[in-house]
Every structure is written in structure tokens, then in C-alpha cells.
Amino acid sequence: MHKPLLFSMALLLSLSAEADSMNANIDASGQAYQGNLTVNQAAGHLQQQANSRALAVGGAGVATNTVVQRQENLLQRSSPLDAQASITGDSFSNGSGIVGINQAAGIANQQVNSASVALIAAPQSLDDSVLAQSVTRPNDSASTVPTLDGERRVDMSNEAFAGSRGVVQLNQSAGIGNRSANHLSIRVVD
């Protein structure tokens, strides 16, 4: 009578062990930041994250960021995937300056935060290559995105980023094959 019970318990344990759980959590971090703060946090496989900054000062100064991210093959899997990315508590509250946060949980997420600032003597036009980075092209995307059962979730507390001043760039993804980008370009003429 004990053998069937043990077999059933072993079967249940093996089934629950097949589902993966991937979590990225930032809790009560980065309060009262000043200046430039960048954070990349990832849980999972094949994540690509970048925080890029460029500053130019002068008569012919040019500040340009170009970020290229490519993924050809995704991790092949068949088990369910539970993924969660969360920012909790008073993270990044009461700060000033520029903050860039990339947070991902899951598989093959791509995230970019870029900012360029140029303090120049004469007006300049904005380069098309900077604007083109904000567009997702189908041929640049990952070749195949698997569909998996499971729950994917992002969340952020109401206290996060409260009282912050300046520029906040946030990419938060939980799942498979997400692409997100924040691009800021400022040119100030003296």
C-alpha cells in the first residue's frame, strides 16, 4: 500500500521540477542617485542589454550612439516557463540626473537605453541613423520565438522612481523574444 503512494509523490515532484521559474527583482535600490546611473539585470538565457551614453562639447562636437543587437538562434525548450521582473519598494526614488534600467526575466529579450547630449556652437541636423534605432525591423528580429506555457509578468511598486527628477529610461520585460529601446538625443546650441 505504501509503494503506489510513493510512486505518485515521485511523479508529482518530477512534473513540478520541469517548469522553469526565472525572476529578476530590484528591491529598495538606487535611492537618491545623482548624475548618471545605469543598471542591467537579467534572469534567464540569451538576454542582451545595453545602457549607452555619449556627451560632446565644443564647436564641432557630435554625440551619437549606435547600438546593434542581433540574435540568430533562440534556446530551444519545451518545458513551461514562468518569468517575472519586478521593481519593489522605493527603488530609484528621490534621485536626480539620468537613470537607465534594463530588467529582463525569460529568454532572448533585447533592451537598450541610449542618451546623447551635444553642447555645440552651431545648429546641426539630427542624423537619420539615430532615429532609425527606434524602429524594429522584422529581419533583425530573432529567427524563431518558441511558444511556451507559463506565466510571464512585470510589476513595479507605486513608490519606485517617486520624487525623481531628470531622465528616467526603463525597459522591463518578462517573457520570450521581447525587444524594447529608449533613445534620447539632445542638442543644445550655445
N, C-alpha and C. Protein backbone atom coordinates (compact mmCIF):
# COMPACT_ATOMS: atom_id res chain seq x y z
N MET A 1 0.81 -1.18 0.00
CA MET A 1 0.00 0.00 0.00
C MET A 1 0.86 1.26 0.00
N HIS A 2 2.04 1.23 0.51
CA HIS A 2 2.91 2.40 0.55
C HIS A 2 3.60 2.65 -0.79
N LYS A 3 3.81 1.59 -1.59
CA LYS A 3 4.51 1.76 -2.86
C LYS A 3 3.75 2.65 -3.84
N PRO A 4 2.44 2.47 -4.07
CA PRO A 4 1.73 3.35 -5.00
C PRO A 4 1.76 4.81 -4.54
N LEU A 5 1.68 5.07 -3.25
CA LEU A 5 1.72 6.42 -2.72
C LEU A 5 3.07 7.06 -2.99
N LEU A 6 4.16 6.35 -2.78
CA LEU A 6 5.49 6.87 -3.04
C LEU A 6 5.69 7.15 -4.53
N PHE A 7 5.20 6.26 -5.39
CA PHE A 7 5.31 6.46 -6.83
C PHE A 7 4.55 7.72 -7.26
N SER A 8 3.36 7.94 -6.73
CA SER A 8 2.56 9.12 -7.07
C SER A 8 3.27 10.38 -6.62
N MET A 9 3.85 10.37 -5.43
CA MET A 9 4.57 11.55 -4.94
C MET A 9 5.79 11.82 -5.81
N ALA A 10 6.52 10.79 -6.20
CA ALA A 10 7.69 10.97 -7.05
C ALA A 10 7.30 11.52 -8.41
N LEU A 11 6.19 11.05 -8.96
CA LEU A 11 5.71 11.55 -10.25
C LEU A 11 5.33 13.03 -10.15
N LEU A 12 4.64 13.44 -9.10
CA LEU A 12 4.27 14.84 -8.91
C LEU A 12 5.50 15.71 -8.76
N LEU A 13 6.51 15.28 -8.03
CA LEU A 13 7.72 16.05 -7.86
C LEU A 13 8.46 16.21 -9.18
N SER A 14 8.50 15.18 -9.98
CA SER A 14 9.21 15.29 -11.25
C SER A 14 8.47 16.21 -12.22
N LEU A 15 7.14 16.23 -12.20
CA LEU A 15 6.39 17.12 -13.07
C LEU A 15 6.58 18.58 -12.66
N SER A 16 6.59 18.86 -11.37
CA SER A 16 6.75 20.25 -10.94
C SER A 16 8.17 20.74 -11.16
N ALA A 17 9.13 19.85 -11.21
CA ALA A 17 10.51 20.26 -11.42
C ALA A 17 10.77 20.62 -12.88
N GLU A 18 9.89 20.23 -13.80
CA GLU A 18 10.11 20.51 -15.21
C GLU A 18 9.85 21.98 -15.57
N ALA A 19 8.99 22.66 -14.87
CA ALA A 19 8.71 24.07 -15.17
C ALA A 19 9.83 24.93 -14.61
N ASP A 20 10.36 25.85 -15.45
CA ASP A 20 11.41 26.76 -15.01
C ASP A 20 10.78 28.04 -14.49
N SER A 21 11.41 28.60 -13.47
CA SER A 21 10.98 29.88 -12.93
C SER A 21 12.18 30.81 -12.96
N MET A 22 12.06 31.94 -13.64
CA MET A 22 13.14 32.90 -13.78
C MET A 22 12.66 34.24 -13.25
N ASN A 23 13.37 34.78 -12.26
CA ASN A 23 12.96 36.02 -11.61
C ASN A 23 14.11 37.01 -11.55
N ALA A 24 13.81 38.26 -11.84
CA ALA A 24 14.73 39.37 -11.67
C ALA A 24 14.02 40.38 -10.77
N ASN A 25 14.62 40.72 -9.63
CA ASN A 25 13.98 41.61 -8.67
C ASN A 25 14.96 42.68 -8.20
N ILE A 26 14.53 43.92 -8.28
CA ILE A 26 15.28 45.04 -7.71
C ILE A 26 14.43 45.55 -6.56
N ASP A 27 14.98 45.56 -5.35
CA ASP A 27 14.21 45.93 -4.17
C ASP A 27 14.94 47.02 -3.38
N ALA A 28 14.30 48.19 -3.26
CA ALA A 28 14.80 49.30 -2.45
C ALA A 28 16.25 49.66 -2.79
N SER A 29 16.55 49.76 -4.08
CA SER A 29 17.91 50.07 -4.54
C SER A 29 17.95 51.42 -5.24
N GLY A 30 19.10 52.05 -5.23
CA GLY A 30 19.36 53.26 -6.02
C GLY A 30 18.65 54.51 -5.55
N GLN A 31 18.25 54.57 -4.29
CA GLN A 31 17.57 55.79 -3.81
C GLN A 31 18.56 56.96 -3.80
N ALA A 32 18.06 58.15 -4.08
CA ALA A 32 18.81 59.40 -4.05
C ALA A 32 20.03 59.37 -4.97
N TYR A 33 19.92 58.70 -6.11
CA TYR A 33 21.02 58.70 -7.08
C TYR A 33 21.23 60.12 -7.59
N GLN A 34 22.46 60.42 -8.00
CA GLN A 34 22.79 61.70 -8.61
C GLN A 34 23.69 61.46 -9.80
N GLY A 35 23.45 62.21 -10.86
CA GLY A 35 24.29 62.06 -12.05
C GLY A 35 23.76 60.99 -12.96
N ASN A 36 24.65 60.07 -13.37
CA ASN A 36 24.31 59.02 -14.34
C ASN A 36 24.33 57.67 -13.63
N LEU A 37 23.22 56.95 -13.64
CA LEU A 37 23.13 55.63 -13.05
C LEU A 37 22.55 54.67 -14.09
N THR A 38 23.24 53.56 -14.32
CA THR A 38 22.73 52.55 -15.25
C THR A 38 22.76 51.19 -14.57
N VAL A 39 21.70 50.40 -14.80
CA VAL A 39 21.59 49.07 -14.22
C VAL A 39 21.07 48.12 -15.29
N ASN A 40 21.74 46.97 -15.44
CA ASN A 40 21.27 45.87 -16.28
C ASN A 40 21.09 44.67 -15.37
N GLN A 41 19.90 44.08 -15.36
CA GLN A 41 19.65 42.89 -14.55
C GLN A 41 18.88 41.89 -15.39
N ALA A 42 19.35 40.65 -15.41
CA ALA A 42 18.69 39.63 -16.23
C ALA A 42 18.67 38.30 -15.51
N ALA A 43 17.57 37.59 -15.66
CA ALA A 43 17.44 36.22 -15.20
C ALA A 43 16.95 35.41 -16.39
N GLY A 44 17.66 34.36 -16.72
CA GLY A 44 17.25 33.55 -17.84
C GLY A 44 18.38 33.27 -18.80
N HIS A 45 18.04 33.19 -20.08
CA HIS A 45 19.00 32.79 -21.10
C HIS A 45 18.99 33.77 -22.27
N LEU A 46 20.16 34.02 -22.85
CA LEU A 46 20.33 34.77 -24.10
C LEU A 46 19.79 36.19 -24.03
N GLN A 47 19.91 36.87 -22.89
CA GLN A 47 19.47 38.26 -22.76
C GLN A 47 20.54 39.18 -23.33
N GLN A 48 20.14 40.28 -23.95
CA GLN A 48 21.05 41.30 -24.44
C GLN A 48 20.58 42.64 -23.91
N GLN A 49 21.46 43.34 -23.16
CA GLN A 49 21.09 44.61 -22.56
C GLN A 49 22.24 45.60 -22.71
N ALA A 50 21.90 46.87 -22.96
CA ALA A 50 22.92 47.91 -23.08
C ALA A 50 22.37 49.23 -22.56
N ASN A 51 23.20 49.93 -21.81
CA ASN A 51 22.97 51.32 -21.43
C ASN A 51 24.14 52.10 -22.02
N SER A 52 23.85 53.04 -22.90
CA SER A 52 24.90 53.76 -23.61
C SER A 52 24.68 55.26 -23.46
N ARG A 53 25.77 55.98 -23.19
CA ARG A 53 25.71 57.44 -23.03
C ARG A 53 26.81 58.08 -23.86
N ALA A 54 26.52 59.24 -24.47
CA ALA A 54 27.52 60.00 -25.22
C ALA A 54 27.33 61.47 -24.91
N LEU A 55 28.44 62.18 -24.70
CA LEU A 55 28.42 63.61 -24.40
C LEU A 55 29.47 64.29 -25.25
N ALA A 56 29.10 65.38 -25.91
CA ALA A 56 30.05 66.14 -26.71
C ALA A 56 29.89 67.62 -26.39
N VAL A 57 31.02 68.31 -26.29
CA VAL A 57 31.03 69.75 -26.01
C VAL A 57 32.00 70.39 -26.98
N GLY A 58 31.58 71.49 -27.62
CA GLY A 58 32.50 72.19 -28.49
C GLY A 58 31.87 72.61 -29.79
N GLY A 59 32.64 73.38 -30.57
CA GLY A 59 32.16 73.94 -31.82
C GLY A 59 31.69 72.91 -32.82
N ALA A 60 32.41 71.80 -32.94
CA ALA A 60 32.04 70.76 -33.92
C ALA A 60 31.68 69.46 -33.22
N GLY A 61 31.30 69.55 -31.97
CA GLY A 61 31.00 68.35 -31.19
C GLY A 61 29.79 67.60 -31.71
N VAL A 62 29.92 66.28 -31.80
CA VAL A 62 28.82 65.42 -32.23
C VAL A 62 28.74 64.26 -31.24
N ALA A 63 27.57 64.06 -30.67
CA ALA A 63 27.34 62.93 -29.75
C ALA A 63 26.34 62.00 -30.40
N THR A 64 26.79 60.79 -30.73
CA THR A 64 25.92 59.82 -31.40
C THR A 64 26.11 58.46 -30.77
N ASN A 65 25.03 57.77 -30.52
CA ASN A 65 25.04 56.39 -30.03
C ASN A 65 24.48 55.49 -31.11
N THR A 66 25.17 54.40 -31.38
CA THR A 66 24.64 53.39 -32.28
C THR A 66 24.78 52.04 -31.58
N VAL A 67 23.67 51.37 -31.37
CA VAL A 67 23.67 50.07 -30.71
C VAL A 67 23.02 49.06 -31.64
N VAL A 68 23.72 47.97 -31.91
CA VAL A 68 23.20 46.92 -32.78
C VAL A 68 23.16 45.63 -31.98
N GLN A 69 21.99 45.02 -31.89
CA GLN A 69 21.83 43.75 -31.17
C GLN A 69 21.18 42.75 -32.12
N ARG A 70 21.79 41.58 -32.26
CA ARG A 70 21.26 40.53 -33.14
C ARG A 70 21.28 39.21 -32.40
N GLN A 71 20.27 38.42 -32.64
CA GLN A 71 20.23 37.04 -32.15
C GLN A 71 19.75 36.17 -33.29
N GLU A 72 20.54 35.18 -33.63
CA GLU A 72 20.19 34.30 -34.73
C GLU A 72 19.39 33.08 -34.27
N ASN A 73 19.78 32.48 -33.18
CA ASN A 73 19.14 31.25 -32.72
C ASN A 73 18.68 31.40 -31.28
N LEU A 74 17.46 31.00 -31.03
CA LEU A 74 16.94 31.01 -29.68
C LEU A 74 17.17 29.65 -29.03
N LEU A 75 17.26 29.68 -27.74
CA LEU A 75 17.37 28.44 -26.97
C LEU A 75 16.11 27.62 -27.20
N GLN A 76 16.27 26.38 -27.57
CA GLN A 76 15.12 25.50 -27.82
C GLN A 76 14.74 24.81 -26.52
N ARG A 77 13.48 24.87 -26.19
CA ARG A 77 13.00 24.26 -24.96
C ARG A 77 11.53 23.89 -25.13
N SER A 78 11.07 22.98 -24.30
CA SER A 78 9.67 22.57 -24.40
C SER A 78 8.96 22.66 -23.06
N SER A 79 9.69 22.86 -21.97
CA SER A 79 9.03 22.91 -20.67
C SER A 79 8.43 24.30 -20.44
N PRO A 80 7.39 24.39 -19.61
CA PRO A 80 6.76 25.68 -19.33
C PRO A 80 7.76 26.66 -18.72
N LEU A 81 7.52 27.95 -18.91
CA LEU A 81 8.40 28.98 -18.40
C LEU A 81 7.59 29.99 -17.62
N ASP A 82 7.93 30.17 -16.35
CA ASP A 82 7.38 31.23 -15.52
C ASP A 82 8.48 32.27 -15.36
N ALA A 83 8.21 33.53 -15.71
CA ALA A 83 9.22 34.59 -15.63
C ALA A 83 8.60 35.83 -15.02
N GLN A 84 9.35 36.49 -14.14
CA GLN A 84 8.87 37.71 -13.51
C GLN A 84 10.01 38.70 -13.35
N ALA A 85 9.77 39.96 -13.73
CA ALA A 85 10.69 41.06 -13.50
C ALA A 85 9.96 42.08 -12.64
N SER A 86 10.56 42.48 -11.51
CA SER A 86 9.86 43.41 -10.62
C SER A 86 10.82 44.42 -10.01
N ILE A 87 10.29 45.62 -9.80
CA ILE A 87 10.99 46.69 -9.08
C ILE A 87 10.10 47.02 -7.90
N THR A 88 10.60 46.78 -6.70
CA THR A 88 9.77 46.92 -5.50
C THR A 88 10.37 47.95 -4.53
N GLY A 89 9.56 48.29 -3.54
CA GLY A 89 9.99 49.28 -2.54
C GLY A 89 10.15 50.65 -3.16
N ASP A 90 11.03 51.44 -2.57
CA ASP A 90 11.25 52.81 -3.06
C ASP A 90 12.51 52.90 -3.93
N SER A 91 12.70 51.90 -4.77
CA SER A 91 13.85 51.87 -5.67
C SER A 91 13.89 53.12 -6.55
N PHE A 92 15.08 53.69 -6.69
CA PHE A 92 15.36 54.82 -7.56
C PHE A 92 14.49 56.04 -7.25
N SER A 93 14.08 56.18 -6.02
CA SER A 93 13.27 57.34 -5.62
C SER A 93 14.18 58.50 -5.21
N ASN A 94 13.64 59.71 -5.34
CA ASN A 94 14.30 60.94 -4.91
C ASN A 94 15.69 61.11 -5.51
N GLY A 95 15.84 60.71 -6.75
CA GLY A 95 17.11 60.87 -7.44
C GLY A 95 17.06 62.03 -8.41
N SER A 96 18.24 62.39 -8.92
CA SER A 96 18.30 63.43 -9.94
C SER A 96 19.41 63.09 -10.92
N GLY A 97 19.15 63.37 -12.18
CA GLY A 97 20.11 63.09 -13.23
C GLY A 97 19.47 62.23 -14.29
N ILE A 98 20.22 61.24 -14.76
CA ILE A 98 19.70 60.32 -15.77
C ILE A 98 19.91 58.90 -15.27
N VAL A 99 18.83 58.12 -15.28
CA VAL A 99 18.89 56.73 -14.84
C VAL A 99 18.38 55.84 -15.96
N GLY A 100 19.11 54.77 -16.24
CA GLY A 100 18.71 53.80 -17.26
C GLY A 100 18.65 52.42 -16.64
N ILE A 101 17.49 51.80 -16.68
CA ILE A 101 17.29 50.47 -16.08
C ILE A 101 16.82 49.52 -17.18
N ASN A 102 17.53 48.40 -17.34
CA ASN A 102 17.11 47.29 -18.18
C ASN A 102 16.92 46.10 -17.26
N GLN A 103 15.73 45.53 -17.24
CA GLN A 103 15.45 44.38 -16.38
C GLN A 103 14.66 43.35 -17.19
N ALA A 104 15.18 42.12 -17.22
CA ALA A 104 14.54 41.08 -18.02
C ALA A 104 14.55 39.75 -17.28
N ALA A 105 13.48 39.00 -17.46
CA ALA A 105 13.40 37.62 -16.99
C ALA A 105 12.79 36.81 -18.11
N GLY A 106 13.45 35.72 -18.48
CA GLY A 106 12.94 34.89 -19.56
C GLY A 106 14.03 34.50 -20.52
N ILE A 107 13.70 34.55 -21.82
CA ILE A 107 14.62 34.09 -22.85
C ILE A 107 14.67 35.11 -23.99
N ALA A 108 15.89 35.45 -24.41
CA ALA A 108 16.14 36.23 -25.63
C ALA A 108 15.43 37.58 -25.67
N ASN A 109 15.48 38.31 -24.57
CA ASN A 109 14.96 39.67 -24.55
C ASN A 109 16.10 40.63 -24.90
N GLN A 110 15.80 41.66 -25.67
CA GLN A 110 16.79 42.66 -26.04
C GLN A 110 16.32 44.02 -25.55
N GLN A 111 17.22 44.75 -24.85
CA GLN A 111 16.85 46.03 -24.27
C GLN A 111 17.99 47.03 -24.43
N VAL A 112 17.65 48.27 -24.80
CA VAL A 112 18.64 49.32 -24.96
C VAL A 112 18.10 50.61 -24.37
N ASN A 113 18.94 51.30 -23.60
CA ASN A 113 18.71 52.68 -23.19
C ASN A 113 19.90 53.46 -23.71
N SER A 114 19.66 54.48 -24.53
CA SER A 114 20.76 55.30 -25.01
C SER A 114 20.40 56.77 -24.88
N ALA A 115 21.40 57.57 -24.57
CA ALA A 115 21.21 59.01 -24.47
C ALA A 115 22.45 59.69 -25.03
N SER A 116 22.23 60.73 -25.81
CA SER A 116 23.34 61.53 -26.32
C SER A 116 23.01 63.00 -26.11
N VAL A 117 24.00 63.75 -25.64
CA VAL A 117 23.84 65.17 -25.38
C VAL A 117 25.01 65.89 -26.04
N ALA A 118 24.71 66.90 -26.85
CA ALA A 118 25.75 67.69 -27.51
C ALA A 118 25.52 69.16 -27.17
N LEU A 119 26.53 69.82 -26.62
CA LEU A 119 26.53 71.25 -26.37
C LEU A 119 27.43 71.86 -27.44
N ILE A 120 26.83 72.50 -28.44
CA ILE A 120 27.59 72.92 -29.62
C ILE A 120 27.41 74.40 -29.88
N ALA A 121 28.30 74.95 -30.73
CA ALA A 121 28.26 76.38 -31.05
C ALA A 121 27.31 76.69 -32.19
N ALA A 122 27.12 75.73 -33.11
CA ALA A 122 26.27 75.99 -34.28
C ALA A 122 25.22 74.90 -34.40
N PRO A 123 24.04 75.22 -34.95
CA PRO A 123 22.99 74.21 -35.11
C PRO A 123 23.45 73.07 -36.02
N GLN A 124 22.97 71.86 -35.73
CA GLN A 124 23.23 70.68 -36.55
C GLN A 124 21.93 69.92 -36.72
N SER A 125 21.84 69.19 -37.82
CA SER A 125 20.65 68.36 -38.01
C SER A 125 20.84 67.03 -37.27
N LEU A 126 19.73 66.38 -36.97
CA LEU A 126 19.77 65.08 -36.31
C LEU A 126 20.01 64.00 -37.34
N ASP A 127 21.01 63.18 -37.12
CA ASP A 127 21.39 62.11 -38.04
C ASP A 127 20.28 61.07 -38.11
N ASP A 128 19.93 60.61 -39.33
CA ASP A 128 18.89 59.60 -39.51
C ASP A 128 19.22 58.28 -38.84
N SER A 129 20.50 57.97 -38.68
CA SER A 129 20.87 56.70 -38.04
C SER A 129 20.43 56.67 -36.58
N VAL A 130 20.39 57.82 -35.93
CA VAL A 130 19.91 57.88 -34.55
C VAL A 130 18.42 57.60 -34.50
N LEU A 131 17.67 58.21 -35.42
CA LEU A 131 16.22 57.98 -35.46
C LEU A 131 15.90 56.54 -35.85
N ALA A 132 16.70 55.94 -36.71
CA ALA A 132 16.44 54.58 -37.20
C ALA A 132 16.55 53.54 -36.10
N GLN A 133 17.28 53.85 -35.03
CA GLN A 133 17.42 52.88 -33.94
C GLN A 133 16.11 52.64 -33.20
N SER A 134 15.17 53.55 -33.32
CA SER A 134 13.90 53.40 -32.62
C SER A 134 12.92 52.50 -33.35
N VAL A 135 13.29 52.01 -34.52
CA VAL A 135 12.41 51.18 -35.34
C VAL A 135 12.88 49.74 -35.28
N THR A 136 11.97 48.83 -35.01
CA THR A 136 12.29 47.41 -35.04
C THR A 136 12.02 46.89 -36.44
N ARG A 137 13.05 46.34 -37.03
CA ARG A 137 12.91 45.79 -38.38
C ARG A 137 12.68 44.29 -38.29
N PRO A 138 11.75 43.74 -39.05
CA PRO A 138 11.46 42.30 -38.98
C PRO A 138 12.68 41.43 -39.25
N ASN A 139 13.56 41.81 -40.16
CA ASN A 139 14.71 40.98 -40.48
C ASN A 139 15.78 41.01 -39.39
N ASP A 140 15.69 41.94 -38.45
CA ASP A 140 16.64 42.00 -37.34
C ASP A 140 16.17 41.19 -36.15
N SER A 141 14.93 40.74 -36.16
CA SER A 141 14.38 40.01 -35.03
C SER A 141 14.95 38.60 -34.97
N ALA A 142 14.80 37.97 -33.82
CA ALA A 142 15.26 36.59 -33.66
C ALA A 142 14.53 35.70 -34.66
N SER A 143 15.21 34.65 -35.11
CA SER A 143 14.67 33.83 -36.19
C SER A 143 13.37 33.13 -35.82
N THR A 144 13.32 32.49 -34.67
CA THR A 144 12.09 31.85 -34.24
C THR A 144 11.90 32.09 -32.75
N VAL A 145 10.69 32.37 -32.37
CA VAL A 145 10.36 32.58 -30.97
C VAL A 145 9.49 31.42 -30.53
N PRO A 146 9.98 30.60 -29.58
CA PRO A 146 9.17 29.47 -29.16
C PRO A 146 7.95 29.93 -28.38
N THR A 147 6.87 29.18 -28.48
CA THR A 147 5.70 29.45 -27.67
C THR A 147 5.70 28.44 -26.53
N LEU A 148 5.63 28.94 -25.32
CA LEU A 148 5.69 28.09 -24.14
C LEU A 148 4.55 28.42 -23.20
N ASP A 149 4.07 27.41 -22.53
CA ASP A 149 3.10 27.64 -21.47
C ASP A 149 3.82 28.28 -20.29
N GLY A 150 3.06 28.90 -19.43
CA GLY A 150 3.62 29.51 -18.24
C GLY A 150 3.13 30.94 -18.09
N GLU A 151 3.50 31.55 -17.00
CA GLU A 151 3.08 32.91 -16.70
C GLU A 151 4.28 33.84 -16.78
N ARG A 152 4.16 34.94 -17.54
CA ARG A 152 5.19 35.96 -17.62
C ARG A 152 4.61 37.27 -17.12
N ARG A 153 5.36 37.94 -16.22
CA ARG A 153 4.78 39.11 -15.56
C ARG A 153 5.86 40.14 -15.23
N VAL A 154 5.52 41.42 -15.37
CA VAL A 154 6.36 42.52 -14.88
C VAL A 154 5.52 43.34 -13.91
N ASP A 155 6.18 43.88 -12.90
CA ASP A 155 5.47 44.78 -11.99
C ASP A 155 6.45 45.76 -11.36
N MET A 156 5.86 46.86 -10.87
CA MET A 156 6.64 47.92 -10.26
C MET A 156 5.79 48.54 -9.15
N SER A 157 6.42 48.82 -8.02
CA SER A 157 5.68 49.41 -6.90
C SER A 157 5.38 50.87 -7.18
N ASN A 158 4.37 51.39 -6.51
CA ASN A 158 3.99 52.80 -6.66
C ASN A 158 5.07 53.74 -6.14
N GLU A 159 5.91 53.27 -5.24
CA GLU A 159 6.94 54.12 -4.64
C GLU A 159 8.20 54.22 -5.51
N ALA A 160 8.38 53.28 -6.44
CA ALA A 160 9.57 53.29 -7.30
C ALA A 160 9.59 54.56 -8.14
N PHE A 161 10.74 55.19 -8.24
CA PHE A 161 11.00 56.40 -9.01
C PHE A 161 10.27 57.63 -8.48
N ALA A 162 9.58 57.54 -7.36
CA ALA A 162 8.85 58.69 -6.81
C ALA A 162 9.82 59.80 -6.44
N GLY A 163 9.50 61.02 -6.82
CA GLY A 163 10.32 62.18 -6.49
C GLY A 163 11.59 62.31 -7.31
N SER A 164 11.77 61.50 -8.33
CA SER A 164 12.97 61.60 -9.16
C SER A 164 12.82 62.74 -10.15
N ARG A 165 13.96 63.36 -10.48
CA ARG A 165 13.98 64.48 -11.42
C ARG A 165 15.04 64.21 -12.47
N GLY A 166 14.71 64.57 -13.71
CA GLY A 166 15.65 64.37 -14.80
C GLY A 166 15.09 63.41 -15.82
N VAL A 167 15.91 62.45 -16.25
CA VAL A 167 15.52 61.49 -17.28
C VAL A 167 15.49 60.09 -16.68
N VAL A 168 14.37 59.40 -16.85
CA VAL A 168 14.24 58.01 -16.41
C VAL A 168 13.98 57.17 -17.66
N GLN A 169 14.88 56.23 -17.93
CA GLN A 169 14.71 55.29 -19.04
C GLN A 169 14.55 53.90 -18.43
N LEU A 170 13.42 53.24 -18.71
CA LEU A 170 13.13 51.94 -18.11
C LEU A 170 12.64 50.97 -19.16
N ASN A 171 13.31 49.82 -19.26
CA ASN A 171 12.84 48.69 -20.06
C ASN A 171 12.66 47.53 -19.09
N GLN A 172 11.49 46.97 -19.07
CA GLN A 172 11.17 45.87 -18.16
C GLN A 172 10.42 44.80 -18.96
N SER A 173 11.02 43.60 -19.09
CA SER A 173 10.43 42.54 -19.89
C SER A 173 10.45 41.22 -19.13
N ALA A 174 9.36 40.49 -19.21
CA ALA A 174 9.31 39.12 -18.71
C ALA A 174 8.69 38.30 -19.82
N GLY A 175 9.44 37.39 -20.36
CA GLY A 175 8.89 36.58 -21.44
C GLY A 175 9.95 36.13 -22.41
N ILE A 176 9.57 36.04 -23.67
CA ILE A 176 10.43 35.45 -24.69
C ILE A 176 10.48 36.36 -25.91
N GLY A 177 11.68 36.75 -26.32
CA GLY A 177 11.87 37.48 -27.57
C GLY A 177 11.35 38.89 -27.59
N ASN A 178 11.28 39.57 -26.45
CA ASN A 178 10.83 40.96 -26.43
C ASN A 178 11.98 41.88 -26.84
N ARG A 179 11.65 42.98 -27.52
CA ARG A 179 12.64 43.99 -27.89
C ARG A 179 12.10 45.34 -27.45
N SER A 180 12.91 46.08 -26.68
CA SER A 180 12.49 47.41 -26.24
C SER A 180 13.68 48.34 -26.23
N ALA A 181 13.42 49.63 -26.50
CA ALA A 181 14.50 50.61 -26.57
C ALA A 181 13.99 51.98 -26.17
N ASN A 182 14.84 52.73 -25.49
CA ASN A 182 14.60 54.14 -25.18
C ASN A 182 15.79 54.92 -25.73
N HIS A 183 15.52 55.89 -26.59
CA HIS A 183 16.59 56.71 -27.17
C HIS A 183 16.28 58.17 -26.88
N LEU A 184 17.26 58.89 -26.35
CA LEU A 184 17.13 60.31 -26.09
C LEU A 184 18.31 61.01 -26.73
N SER A 185 18.04 62.03 -27.55
CA SER A 185 19.09 62.82 -28.18
C SER A 185 18.77 64.29 -27.97
N ILE A 186 19.70 64.99 -27.34
CA ILE A 186 19.51 66.42 -27.06
C ILE A 186 20.69 67.17 -27.66
N ARG A 187 20.39 68.23 -28.41
CA ARG A 187 21.44 69.11 -28.94
C ARG A 187 21.11 70.52 -28.49
N VAL A 188 22.02 71.12 -27.77
CA VAL A 188 21.84 72.46 -27.24
C VAL A 188 22.84 73.38 -27.94
N VAL A 189 22.33 74.47 -28.55
CA VAL A 189 23.19 75.43 -29.23
C VAL A 189 23.54 76.54 -28.26
N ASP A 190 24.83 76.84 -28.19
CA ASP A 190 25.34 77.89 -27.29
C ASP A 190 24.97 79.26 -27.81
